[in-house]
N, C-alpha and C. Protein backbone atom coordinates (compact mmCIF):
# COMPACT_ATOMS: atom_id res chain seq x y z
N MET A 1 -20.10 -43.81 -46.26
CA MET A 1 -21.08 -43.99 -47.31
C MET A 1 -20.34 -44.23 -48.61
N SER A 2 -20.68 -45.25 -49.29
CA SER A 2 -20.03 -45.59 -50.55
C SER A 2 -21.01 -45.39 -51.69
N THR A 3 -20.55 -44.75 -52.75
CA THR A 3 -21.41 -44.55 -53.92
C THR A 3 -21.02 -45.47 -55.06
N THR A 4 -20.01 -46.32 -54.83
CA THR A 4 -19.59 -47.29 -55.83
C THR A 4 -19.61 -48.68 -55.22
N SER A 5 -19.31 -49.62 -56.04
CA SER A 5 -19.29 -51.00 -55.54
C SER A 5 -17.96 -51.36 -54.90
N ILE A 6 -17.03 -50.41 -54.78
CA ILE A 6 -15.71 -50.66 -54.20
C ILE A 6 -15.83 -50.61 -52.69
N GLU A 7 -15.41 -51.68 -52.03
CA GLU A 7 -15.45 -51.73 -50.57
C GLU A 7 -14.10 -51.38 -49.96
N THR A 8 -12.99 -51.62 -50.68
CA THR A 8 -11.67 -51.29 -50.19
C THR A 8 -10.78 -50.92 -51.39
N TRP A 9 -9.86 -49.98 -51.17
CA TRP A 9 -8.95 -49.56 -52.23
C TRP A 9 -7.70 -50.43 -52.28
N ALA A 10 -7.51 -51.27 -51.29
CA ALA A 10 -6.34 -52.14 -51.25
C ALA A 10 -6.40 -53.13 -52.42
N GLY A 11 -5.41 -53.07 -53.28
CA GLY A 11 -5.34 -53.99 -54.42
C GLY A 11 -6.28 -53.64 -55.56
N ALA A 12 -6.91 -52.47 -55.51
CA ALA A 12 -7.83 -52.08 -56.59
C ALA A 12 -7.04 -51.67 -57.82
N ASP A 13 -7.47 -52.10 -58.98
CA ASP A 13 -6.84 -51.74 -60.25
C ASP A 13 -7.61 -50.55 -60.84
N LEU A 14 -7.01 -49.35 -60.72
CA LEU A 14 -7.72 -48.14 -61.15
C LEU A 14 -8.00 -48.11 -62.65
N SER A 15 -7.19 -48.84 -63.44
CA SER A 15 -7.45 -48.87 -64.88
C SER A 15 -8.73 -49.61 -65.19
N GLN A 16 -9.16 -50.47 -64.33
CA GLN A 16 -10.41 -51.20 -64.53
C GLN A 16 -11.62 -50.48 -63.93
N ILE A 17 -11.35 -49.57 -63.00
CA ILE A 17 -12.45 -48.87 -62.32
C ILE A 17 -12.95 -47.71 -63.16
N GLY A 18 -12.04 -46.95 -63.80
CA GLY A 18 -12.43 -45.78 -64.58
C GLY A 18 -12.14 -44.52 -63.81
N PRO A 19 -12.63 -43.38 -64.26
CA PRO A 19 -12.34 -42.11 -63.60
C PRO A 19 -12.90 -42.10 -62.18
N ILE A 20 -12.11 -41.56 -61.26
CA ILE A 20 -12.58 -41.48 -59.88
C ILE A 20 -12.81 -40.03 -59.46
N TYR A 21 -12.62 -39.09 -60.37
CA TYR A 21 -12.91 -37.68 -60.10
C TYR A 21 -13.37 -37.03 -61.41
N PRO A 22 -14.12 -35.95 -61.33
CA PRO A 22 -14.66 -35.32 -62.54
C PRO A 22 -13.59 -34.61 -63.37
N MET A 23 -13.85 -34.45 -64.64
CA MET A 23 -13.00 -33.72 -65.60
C MET A 23 -11.61 -34.33 -65.73
N VAL A 24 -11.54 -35.64 -65.75
CA VAL A 24 -10.26 -36.32 -65.93
C VAL A 24 -9.72 -35.98 -67.30
N GLY A 25 -8.44 -35.63 -67.36
CA GLY A 25 -7.79 -35.31 -68.63
C GLY A 25 -7.66 -33.82 -68.91
N THR A 26 -8.25 -32.99 -68.06
CA THR A 26 -8.18 -31.54 -68.29
C THR A 26 -7.14 -30.88 -67.40
N GLU A 27 -6.32 -31.66 -66.73
CA GLU A 27 -5.37 -31.10 -65.77
C GLU A 27 -4.38 -30.16 -66.44
N MET A 28 -3.83 -30.52 -67.57
CA MET A 28 -2.83 -29.69 -68.23
C MET A 28 -3.45 -28.40 -68.75
N ILE A 29 -4.65 -28.49 -69.31
CA ILE A 29 -5.33 -27.29 -69.80
C ILE A 29 -5.61 -26.33 -68.64
N LEU A 30 -6.10 -26.89 -67.52
CA LEU A 30 -6.38 -26.05 -66.36
C LEU A 30 -5.10 -25.45 -65.79
N LEU A 31 -4.01 -26.17 -65.82
CA LEU A 31 -2.72 -25.64 -65.36
C LEU A 31 -2.29 -24.46 -66.23
N ILE A 32 -2.38 -24.63 -67.54
CA ILE A 32 -1.98 -23.56 -68.46
C ILE A 32 -2.86 -22.33 -68.27
N VAL A 33 -4.17 -22.53 -68.15
CA VAL A 33 -5.09 -21.41 -67.92
C VAL A 33 -4.76 -20.71 -66.60
N GLY A 34 -4.48 -21.49 -65.56
CA GLY A 34 -4.14 -20.91 -64.26
C GLY A 34 -2.86 -20.09 -64.31
N VAL A 35 -1.84 -20.61 -64.98
CA VAL A 35 -0.57 -19.88 -65.09
C VAL A 35 -0.76 -18.60 -65.90
N LEU A 36 -1.55 -18.65 -66.97
CA LEU A 36 -1.80 -17.45 -67.78
C LEU A 36 -2.54 -16.38 -66.96
N PHE A 37 -3.55 -16.79 -66.20
CA PHE A 37 -4.25 -15.83 -65.34
C PHE A 37 -3.31 -15.25 -64.30
N TRP A 38 -2.45 -16.08 -63.73
CA TRP A 38 -1.50 -15.63 -62.71
C TRP A 38 -0.54 -14.59 -63.29
N LEU A 39 0.01 -14.88 -64.47
CA LEU A 39 0.93 -13.94 -65.11
C LEU A 39 0.21 -12.64 -65.50
N ALA A 40 -1.00 -12.77 -66.05
CA ALA A 40 -1.76 -11.58 -66.45
C ALA A 40 -2.06 -10.71 -65.23
N PHE A 41 -2.39 -11.32 -64.10
CA PHE A 41 -2.65 -10.56 -62.89
C PHE A 41 -1.43 -9.76 -62.48
N HIS A 42 -0.26 -10.38 -62.51
CA HIS A 42 0.95 -9.68 -62.09
C HIS A 42 1.32 -8.55 -63.05
N VAL A 43 1.14 -8.76 -64.33
CA VAL A 43 1.43 -7.70 -65.30
C VAL A 43 0.48 -6.52 -65.09
N LEU A 44 -0.81 -6.81 -64.97
CA LEU A 44 -1.77 -5.73 -64.76
C LEU A 44 -1.55 -5.03 -63.43
N GLN A 45 -1.24 -5.76 -62.39
CA GLN A 45 -0.98 -5.15 -61.09
C GLN A 45 0.25 -4.24 -61.14
N ALA A 46 1.28 -4.68 -61.84
CA ALA A 46 2.49 -3.86 -61.97
C ALA A 46 2.19 -2.57 -62.72
N ARG A 47 1.36 -2.63 -63.75
CA ARG A 47 0.99 -1.42 -64.50
C ARG A 47 0.20 -0.45 -63.62
N ILE A 48 -0.74 -0.98 -62.86
CA ILE A 48 -1.55 -0.13 -61.98
C ILE A 48 -0.66 0.54 -60.94
N GLU A 49 0.23 -0.23 -60.33
CA GLU A 49 1.10 0.33 -59.31
C GLU A 49 2.07 1.35 -59.90
N ARG A 50 2.53 1.13 -61.12
CA ARG A 50 3.44 2.09 -61.77
C ARG A 50 2.72 3.41 -62.01
N ARG A 51 1.46 3.35 -62.47
CA ARG A 51 0.67 4.57 -62.69
C ARG A 51 0.49 5.34 -61.39
N GLU A 52 0.17 4.63 -60.31
CA GLU A 52 -0.02 5.28 -59.02
C GLU A 52 1.29 5.88 -58.52
N LEU A 53 2.39 5.17 -58.69
CA LEU A 53 3.69 5.68 -58.26
C LEU A 53 4.08 6.91 -59.06
N ASP A 54 3.84 6.90 -60.37
CA ASP A 54 4.14 8.07 -61.20
C ASP A 54 3.30 9.28 -60.77
N ALA A 55 2.02 9.05 -60.45
CA ALA A 55 1.17 10.15 -60.00
C ALA A 55 1.66 10.70 -58.67
N ASP A 56 2.03 9.82 -57.75
CA ASP A 56 2.56 10.27 -56.46
C ASP A 56 3.86 11.04 -56.63
N GLU A 57 4.71 10.57 -57.51
CA GLU A 57 5.99 11.24 -57.75
C GLU A 57 5.77 12.61 -58.39
N ALA A 58 4.84 12.70 -59.32
CA ALA A 58 4.55 13.99 -59.95
C ALA A 58 3.99 14.97 -58.92
N ALA A 59 3.16 14.46 -58.02
CA ALA A 59 2.60 15.34 -56.99
C ALA A 59 3.68 15.80 -56.02
N ALA A 60 4.64 14.94 -55.75
CA ALA A 60 5.72 15.30 -54.83
C ALA A 60 6.66 16.32 -55.44
N HIS A 61 6.76 16.34 -56.77
CA HIS A 61 7.66 17.28 -57.44
C HIS A 61 6.95 18.55 -57.89
N GLY A 62 5.69 18.71 -57.49
CA GLY A 62 4.95 19.91 -57.88
C GLY A 62 5.51 21.14 -57.19
N GLN A 63 5.32 22.30 -57.81
CA GLN A 63 5.85 23.55 -57.29
C GLN A 63 5.28 23.88 -55.92
N GLU A 64 4.01 23.62 -55.72
CA GLU A 64 3.39 23.92 -54.44
C GLU A 64 4.01 23.07 -53.33
N ARG A 65 4.24 21.83 -53.59
CA ARG A 65 4.84 20.94 -52.58
C ARG A 65 6.27 21.38 -52.26
N ILE A 66 7.03 21.73 -53.26
CA ILE A 66 8.42 22.18 -53.04
C ILE A 66 8.43 23.46 -52.23
N ALA A 67 7.51 24.38 -52.52
CA ALA A 67 7.43 25.64 -51.76
C ALA A 67 7.11 25.37 -50.29
N ARG A 68 6.17 24.44 -50.03
CA ARG A 68 5.83 24.11 -48.64
C ARG A 68 7.02 23.51 -47.89
N VAL A 69 7.78 22.67 -48.56
CA VAL A 69 8.95 22.05 -47.92
C VAL A 69 9.96 23.13 -47.55
N PHE A 70 10.23 24.08 -48.47
CA PHE A 70 11.19 25.15 -48.17
C PHE A 70 10.68 26.07 -47.07
N GLU A 71 9.38 26.31 -47.03
CA GLU A 71 8.81 27.14 -45.96
C GLU A 71 8.98 26.45 -44.60
N ASP A 72 8.72 25.15 -44.57
CA ASP A 72 8.87 24.38 -43.32
C ASP A 72 10.34 24.39 -42.88
N GLU A 73 11.25 24.27 -43.81
CA GLU A 73 12.67 24.27 -43.47
C GLU A 73 13.12 25.64 -42.98
N ALA A 74 12.54 26.70 -43.56
CA ALA A 74 12.93 28.07 -43.17
C ALA A 74 12.45 28.37 -41.75
N ARG A 75 11.30 27.80 -41.36
CA ARG A 75 10.77 28.03 -40.01
C ARG A 75 11.60 27.33 -38.95
N GLU A 76 12.22 26.25 -39.28
CA GLU A 76 13.01 25.48 -38.30
C GLU A 76 14.32 26.10 -38.16
């Protein structure tokens, strides 16, 4: 099904046809926006993971956890 008057692309001069896809000319802007979102995602993900790691580390160094480890070692 053809929606244009073009029957074949062989030898077609695209400069005479005009845009063949929507939003022509926004490629660079969309690339920049995509890269910024990608970088922001990684920065935010790293912060979230750092907070979780710090919480896990603090829980592992708690007095109750250390006492349980020594009790388990004493039983063995």
